[in-house]
Protein backbone atom coordinates (compact mmCIF):
# COMPACT_ATOMS: atom_id res chain seq x y z
CA MET A 1 -9.16 21.00 -18.20
CA ASN A 2 -11.98 18.38 -17.73
CA ALA A 3 -11.07 15.25 -15.73
CA ILE A 4 -12.31 13.03 -18.68
CA LYS A 5 -9.54 14.78 -20.92
CA LEU A 6 -6.98 13.50 -18.48
CA LEU A 7 -7.61 10.01 -20.01
CA LEU A 8 -5.88 11.51 -23.09
CA PHE A 9 -2.45 11.01 -21.25
CA VAL A 10 -2.89 7.30 -20.78
CA PRO A 11 -2.02 6.38 -24.41
CA PHE A 12 1.12 8.61 -24.24
CA ILE A 13 2.25 7.09 -21.02
CA GLY A 14 1.76 3.67 -22.42
CA PHE A 15 3.32 4.32 -25.64
CA LEU A 16 6.54 6.22 -24.55
CA GLY A 17 6.57 6.01 -20.81
CA LEU A 18 6.22 2.17 -20.38
CA LEU A 19 8.09 1.41 -23.69
CA PRO A 20 11.57 0.86 -22.18
CA LEU A 21 9.91 -1.79 -19.86
CA ALA A 22 8.31 -3.66 -22.88
CA ASN A 23 11.46 -3.62 -25.07
CA LYS A 24 11.87 -7.30 -25.41
CA VAL A 25 11.17 -10.08 -28.12
CA GLU A 26 9.91 -12.88 -25.96
CA PRO A 27 7.34 -13.94 -25.17
CA TYR A 28 5.48 -14.10 -28.66
CA ILE A 29 1.94 -12.97 -28.42
CA LEU A 30 -0.58 -13.67 -31.35
CA GLY A 31 2.50 -14.56 -33.22
CA MET A 32 4.07 -11.09 -32.93
CA PRO A 33 7.24 -10.30 -30.79
CA PHE A 34 6.09 -8.46 -27.41
CA LEU A 35 7.31 -4.91 -28.55
CA LEU A 36 5.14 -5.22 -31.79
CA PHE A 37 2.28 -6.49 -29.70
CA TRP A 38 2.76 -3.58 -27.19
CA VAL A 39 2.62 -1.04 -29.81
CA ALA A 40 -0.37 -2.55 -31.82
CA PHE A 41 -2.08 -2.78 -28.17
CA TRP A 42 -1.74 0.87 -27.50
CA MET A 43 -2.80 1.95 -31.00
CA VAL A 44 -6.16 -0.26 -30.27
CA MET A 45 -6.47 1.21 -26.78
CA ALA A 46 -5.56 5.04 -27.81
CA SER A 47 -8.76 4.56 -30.34
CA VAL A 48 -10.89 3.31 -27.38
CA ILE A 49 -9.78 6.13 -25.16
CA LEU A 50 -10.61 8.72 -27.88
CA MET A 51 -13.95 7.35 -28.17
CA ILE A 52 -14.72 7.59 -24.45
CA VAL A 53 -13.39 10.90 -24.37
CA TYR A 54 -15.62 11.82 -27.27
CA LYS A 55 -18.76 10.44 -25.80
CA PHE A 56 -18.48 11.84 -22.28
CA ASP A 57 -16.77 15.15 -22.84
CA PRO A 58 -19.44 18.04 -21.92
CA ASP A 59 -17.83 20.29 -24.42
CA ASN A 60 -19.10 18.10 -27.28
CA GLU A 61 -22.72 18.68 -26.54
CA GLY A 62 -24.71 19.60 -29.65
CA SER A 63 -22.22 18.13 -32.01
CA ASP A 64 -23.60 16.85 -35.05
CA LEU A 65 -21.28 13.90 -35.59
CA ASP A 66 -23.22 11.65 -33.14
């Protein structure tokens, strides 16, 4: 497995591994309880990380999706 593909574990750890630490209502961030903000933040971060892996993965050379 390429080293860049190891980035794919980061959202998994953020969503599930650190979720017990984020399980609280206070503080409110952007008008959302902290847990809801945590999940929304990791959804956005997962998309960003997938884009990074797509761009830098050498197995993706010659793809017509660019």
